[in-house]
Amino acid sequence: MIKLKLKIIVALLVTIVFSFTQSREAYFQEANRLYEAKKYHKAKLIYQELFEEDPSNYKIAYNLANTHYALAQRKNQPVEARQSHFAQAVFFFKQVLKQHKTHSPAYDNLKILWQENGDVTSLKKEILLRQLHLFNSFNAYLTSIIFLLILIVVARNMTRKKKYFRNALVLTFSYVFLMGVLLISQIDFNENEAVLKQMSEVKSNPSSSSETLFVLKEGNIVNLEEVNESEWSLIKKNQASGWVKKNSLLQF
């Protein structure tokens, strides 16, 4: 009787999980249909809800980014709204690349966005990161092959010490180097970064009345240096630092 009850409970759980997955997929497809029909606001609401439930799903993040970019192109809306959609497009394309580092469409779209707002620094950094991740897609296989070769050299040259030592040393050095590159690629270079939601004046002190040091456009990626207890954050961009309002930032 106990075993029968357990089987019934397991069956019910499987049914619930399956139904939930199916309903999420149907919801996702509904958002896709709305996007294709250019009903971007309605599509955005669904994508946003799905992303909040599953922030590791890069497909949802990618569609949400595209939806925000489509909304940013609309002229019949306040400038602040257009800037916010533009910045959120940058934010969600970056979220895609955090989950799927070699996602070409997200990378290509980010290049377009940063070319539009002139964020050359972020563009150059993303190009370097992409080259590193593309290399490591191949590097993972190459590392495994070299490790296998080390084992073969060890097995075949146990009786020939000099030749064995030289070959094993070269292969071991190559293996360690490639493993080092692989480990570097796992570092989160987006840590303590944020996206500006709107065009912002960067101040010399955490006060609206302080001197404006420079102005950054929406969608710029900045480094967070310090978060003030009130409403300000100290940011850094191109070796220059200053203060902006916390509510003007989208933090990763």
Protein backbone atom coordinates (compact mmCIF):
# COMPACT_ATOMS: atom_id res chain seq x y z
CA MET A 1 0.00 0.00 0.00
CA ILE A 2 2.85 2.41 0.88
CA LYS A 3 4.63 1.63 -2.39
CA LEU A 4 1.39 2.25 -4.30
CA LYS A 5 0.93 5.64 -2.61
CA LEU A 6 4.52 6.62 -3.45
CA LYS A 7 4.00 5.68 -7.09
CA ILE A 8 0.82 7.78 -7.21
CA ILE A 9 2.63 10.80 -5.66
CA VAL A 10 5.55 10.48 -8.10
CA ALA A 11 3.15 10.20 -11.03
CA LEU A 12 1.28 13.32 -9.88
CA LEU A 13 4.54 15.29 -9.49
CA VAL A 14 5.69 14.26 -12.98
CA THR A 15 2.32 15.30 -14.40
CA ILE A 16 2.45 18.68 -12.65
CA VAL A 17 6.03 19.38 -13.82
CA PHE A 18 5.17 18.31 -17.38
CA SER A 19 2.04 20.49 -17.43
CA PHE A 20 4.00 23.48 -16.05
CA THR A 21 6.69 23.06 -18.72
CA GLN A 22 4.07 22.78 -21.46
CA SER A 23 2.24 25.90 -20.25
CA ARG A 24 5.51 27.89 -20.12
CA GLU A 25 6.35 26.84 -23.67
CA ALA A 26 2.85 27.84 -24.85
CA TYR A 27 3.27 31.19 -23.07
CA PHE A 28 6.66 31.68 -24.76
CA GLN A 29 5.18 30.91 -28.19
CA GLU A 30 2.35 33.36 -27.52
CA ALA A 31 4.95 36.08 -26.82
CA ASN A 32 6.70 35.17 -30.07
CA ARG A 33 3.45 35.55 -32.00
CA LEU A 34 2.83 38.95 -30.41
CA TYR A 35 6.37 40.03 -31.34
CA GLU A 36 5.87 38.93 -34.96
CA ALA A 37 2.61 40.90 -34.99
CA LYS A 38 4.60 43.95 -33.76
CA LYS A 39 2.64 44.06 -30.50
CA TYR A 40 5.86 44.70 -28.65
CA HIS A 41 4.48 45.97 -25.34
CA LYS A 42 2.35 42.86 -24.83
CA ALA A 43 5.22 40.59 -25.92
CA LYS A 44 7.59 42.37 -23.52
CA LEU A 45 5.29 41.76 -20.54
CA ILE A 46 5.21 38.01 -21.21
CA TYR A 47 8.95 37.73 -21.88
CA GLN A 48 9.66 39.72 -18.71
CA GLU A 49 7.49 37.43 -16.60
CA LEU A 50 9.13 34.33 -18.10
CA PHE A 51 12.61 35.77 -17.53
CA GLU A 52 11.88 36.53 -13.88
CA GLU A 53 10.83 32.89 -13.45
CA ASP A 54 13.88 31.55 -15.30
CA PRO A 55 16.71 34.14 -15.53
CA SER A 56 19.17 31.52 -16.81
CA ASN A 57 17.17 30.97 -20.01
CA TYR A 58 19.18 32.84 -22.65
CA LYS A 59 16.50 32.35 -25.33
CA ILE A 60 13.99 34.34 -23.30
CA ALA A 61 16.62 37.00 -22.54
CA TYR A 62 17.47 37.28 -26.24
CA ASN A 63 13.84 37.76 -27.30
CA LEU A 64 13.31 40.26 -24.48
CA ALA A 65 16.35 42.24 -25.65
CA ASN A 66 15.05 42.32 -29.22
CA THR A 67 11.64 43.46 -27.98
CA HIS A 68 13.17 46.35 -26.01
CA TYR A 69 15.22 47.38 -29.03
CA ALA A 70 12.10 47.35 -31.24
CA LEU A 71 10.34 49.55 -28.68
CA ALA A 72 13.33 51.90 -28.58
CA GLN A 73 12.90 52.55 -32.32
CA ARG A 74 9.38 53.95 -31.89
CA LYS A 75 9.28 57.73 -32.21
CA ASN A 76 5.88 58.46 -30.61
CA GLN A 77 7.03 58.17 -27.00
CA PRO A 78 8.94 60.28 -24.45
CA VAL A 79 12.72 60.43 -24.85
CA GLU A 80 13.16 58.86 -21.40
CA ALA A 81 11.13 55.82 -22.45
CA ARG A 82 13.18 55.34 -25.62
CA GLN A 83 16.42 55.63 -23.65
CA SER A 84 15.18 53.09 -21.10
CA HIS A 85 14.25 50.54 -23.80
CA PHE A 86 17.62 51.05 -25.50
CA ALA A 87 19.49 50.48 -22.22
CA GLN A 88 17.45 47.38 -21.38
CA ALA A 89 18.19 45.96 -24.83
CA VAL A 90 21.91 46.29 -24.01
CA PHE A 91 21.34 44.79 -20.56
CA PHE A 92 19.50 41.69 -21.83
CA PHE A 93 21.86 41.07 -24.76
CA LYS A 94 24.66 41.07 -22.17
CA GLN A 95 22.62 38.64 -20.06
CA VAL A 96 22.49 36.32 -23.08
CA LEU A 97 26.28 36.42 -23.40
CA LYS A 98 26.68 35.66 -19.69
CA GLN A 99 24.75 32.42 -20.24
CA HIS A 100 25.89 31.61 -23.78
CA LYS A 101 29.28 33.22 -24.33
CA THR A 102 29.50 32.54 -28.09
CA HIS A 103 25.93 33.57 -29.01
CA SER A 104 26.60 35.32 -32.34
CA PRO A 105 23.23 37.12 -32.82
CA ALA A 106 23.42 38.73 -29.35
CA TYR A 107 27.01 39.77 -29.99
CA ASP A 108 26.18 41.26 -33.40
CA ASN A 109 23.21 43.18 -31.98
CA LEU A 110 25.31 44.55 -29.12
CA LYS A 111 27.85 45.82 -31.65
CA ILE A 112 25.07 47.72 -33.44
CA LEU A 113 23.78 49.23 -30.18
CA TRP A 114 27.20 50.37 -29.02
CA GLN A 115 28.01 51.80 -32.42
CA GLU A 116 24.78 53.81 -32.13
CA ASN A 117 25.56 55.26 -28.70
CA GLY A 118 29.33 55.53 -29.18
CA ASP A 119 30.38 53.19 -26.35
CA VAL A 120 33.66 52.21 -28.00
CA THR A 121 35.21 50.94 -24.75
CA SER A 122 32.50 48.32 -24.16
CA LEU A 123 32.59 47.33 -27.83
CA LYS A 124 36.37 46.72 -27.77
CA LYS A 125 36.12 44.73 -24.54
CA GLU A 126 33.32 42.54 -25.93
CA ILE A 127 35.33 41.86 -29.10
CA LEU A 128 38.29 40.66 -27.00
CA LEU A 129 36.04 38.50 -24.80
CA ARG A 130 34.40 36.94 -27.84
CA GLN A 131 37.79 36.06 -29.35
CA LEU A 132 38.76 34.45 -26.05
CA HIS A 133 35.56 32.40 -25.82
CA LEU A 134 35.68 31.32 -29.46
CA PHE A 135 39.26 30.15 -28.96
CA ASN A 136 38.20 28.20 -25.89
CA SER A 137 35.43 26.41 -27.76
CA PHE A 138 38.25 24.82 -29.76
CA ASN A 139 40.67 24.85 -26.83
CA ALA A 140 38.52 22.44 -24.76
CA TYR A 141 38.90 19.73 -27.39
CA LEU A 142 42.59 20.50 -27.95
CA THR A 143 43.33 20.24 -24.22
CA SER A 144 41.74 16.80 -24.05
CA ILE A 145 43.78 15.62 -27.04
CA ILE A 146 47.05 16.88 -25.51
CA PHE A 147 46.25 15.17 -22.22
CA LEU A 148 45.69 11.92 -24.12
CA LEU A 149 49.01 12.40 -25.93
CA ILE A 150 50.78 12.85 -22.58
CA LEU A 151 49.44 9.50 -21.45
CA ILE A 152 50.55 7.86 -24.72
CA VAL A 153 54.05 9.34 -24.46
CA VAL A 154 54.34 8.17 -20.85
CA ALA A 155 53.19 4.67 -21.78
CA ARG A 156 55.50 4.30 -24.81
CA ASN A 157 58.65 5.89 -23.43
CA MET A 158 58.98 4.50 -19.93
CA THR A 159 62.21 2.73 -20.92
CA ARG A 160 63.70 5.68 -22.83
CA LYS A 161 64.07 8.23 -20.08
CA LYS A 162 65.63 11.21 -21.95
CA LYS A 163 63.26 11.19 -24.89
CA TYR A 164 60.33 10.49 -22.61
CA PHE A 165 61.21 13.40 -20.33
CA ARG A 166 61.57 15.89 -23.21
CA ASN A 167 58.31 14.91 -24.94
CA ALA A 168 56.34 14.72 -21.72
CA LEU A 169 57.67 18.14 -20.62
CA VAL A 170 56.61 19.83 -23.88
CA LEU A 171 53.16 18.29 -23.81
CA THR A 172 52.68 19.01 -20.11
CA PHE A 173 53.63 22.67 -20.61
CA SER A 174 51.15 22.94 -23.49
CA TYR A 175 48.45 21.30 -21.39
CA VAL A 176 49.03 23.64 -18.41
CA PHE A 177 49.01 26.70 -20.71
CA LEU A 178 45.73 25.71 -22.38
CA MET A 179 44.13 24.86 -19.03
CA GLY A 180 45.17 28.30 -17.78
CA VAL A 181 43.45 29.98 -20.73
CA LEU A 182 40.35 27.86 -20.09
CA LEU A 183 40.27 28.95 -16.43
CA ILE A 184 40.70 32.62 -17.38
CA SER A 185 37.70 32.34 -19.72
CA GLN A 186 35.53 31.27 -16.76
CA ILE A 187 36.11 34.56 -14.93
CA ASP A 188 33.05 36.80 -14.85
CA PHE A 189 34.36 40.01 -16.40
CA ASN A 190 30.93 41.60 -15.96
CA GLU A 191 31.17 41.55 -12.17
CA ASN A 192 30.47 44.98 -10.62
CA GLU A 193 29.28 46.33 -13.95
CA ALA A 194 26.04 48.16 -14.71
CA VAL A 195 24.19 49.67 -17.66
CA LEU A 196 23.06 53.30 -17.68
CA LYS A 197 19.28 53.40 -18.16
CA GLN A 198 19.29 56.97 -19.46
CA MET A 199 21.61 59.77 -20.49
CA SER A 200 23.28 60.77 -17.23
CA GLU A 201 25.39 63.58 -15.87
CA VAL A 202 28.34 62.20 -13.93
CA LYS A 203 28.92 64.37 -10.87
CA SER A 204 32.08 65.18 -8.91
CA ASN A 205 30.27 64.44 -5.60
CA PRO A 206 27.11 62.57 -4.57
CA SER A 207 24.98 65.67 -4.92
CA SER A 208 22.82 67.12 -7.73
CA SER A 209 24.35 70.55 -7.11
CA SER A 210 27.95 69.38 -7.56
CA GLU A 211 30.00 69.88 -10.73
CA THR A 212 29.14 67.81 -13.82
CA LEU A 213 32.34 66.04 -14.89
CA PHE A 214 31.02 64.45 -18.09
CA VAL A 215 27.86 63.01 -19.63
CA LEU A 216 27.28 59.39 -20.64
CA LYS A 217 24.57 58.17 -23.01
CA GLU A 218 22.09 55.42 -22.20
CA GLY A 219 23.35 51.88 -22.78
CA ASN A 220 26.91 52.65 -21.66
CA ILE A 221 28.52 49.94 -19.52
CA VAL A 222 30.18 51.34 -16.39
CA ASN A 223 32.11 49.85 -13.47
CA LEU A 224 30.63 50.25 -10.00
CA GLU A 225 33.27 51.55 -7.60
CA GLU A 226 31.14 52.41 -4.56
CA VAL A 227 27.46 52.53 -3.64
CA ASN A 228 26.47 55.44 -1.42
CA GLU A 229 24.06 54.77 1.47
CA SER A 230 21.68 57.40 0.11
CA GLU A 231 20.87 57.41 -3.60
CA TRP A 232 24.23 57.68 -5.38
CA SER A 233 26.75 55.26 -6.89
CA LEU A 234 30.39 55.95 -7.73
CA ILE A 235 31.12 54.72 -11.27
CA LYS A 236 34.18 54.50 -13.48
CA LYS A 237 34.38 54.83 -17.25
CA ASN A 238 37.57 55.14 -19.32
CA GLN A 239 39.69 55.75 -16.19
CA ALA A 240 37.42 58.64 -15.12
CA SER A 241 35.24 58.37 -12.01
CA GLY A 242 32.17 60.20 -10.80
CA TRP A 243 28.77 59.87 -9.16
CA VAL A 244 25.39 59.01 -10.71
CA LYS A 245 21.96 58.31 -9.25
CA LYS A 246 21.48 54.63 -8.30
CA ASN A 247 18.10 54.53 -10.00
CA SER A 248 19.76 55.31 -13.33
CA LEU A 249 21.62 51.98 -13.31
CA LEU A 250 20.78 48.41 -14.30
CA GLN A 251 23.19 46.18 -12.38
CA PHE A 252 24.16 42.68 -13.55
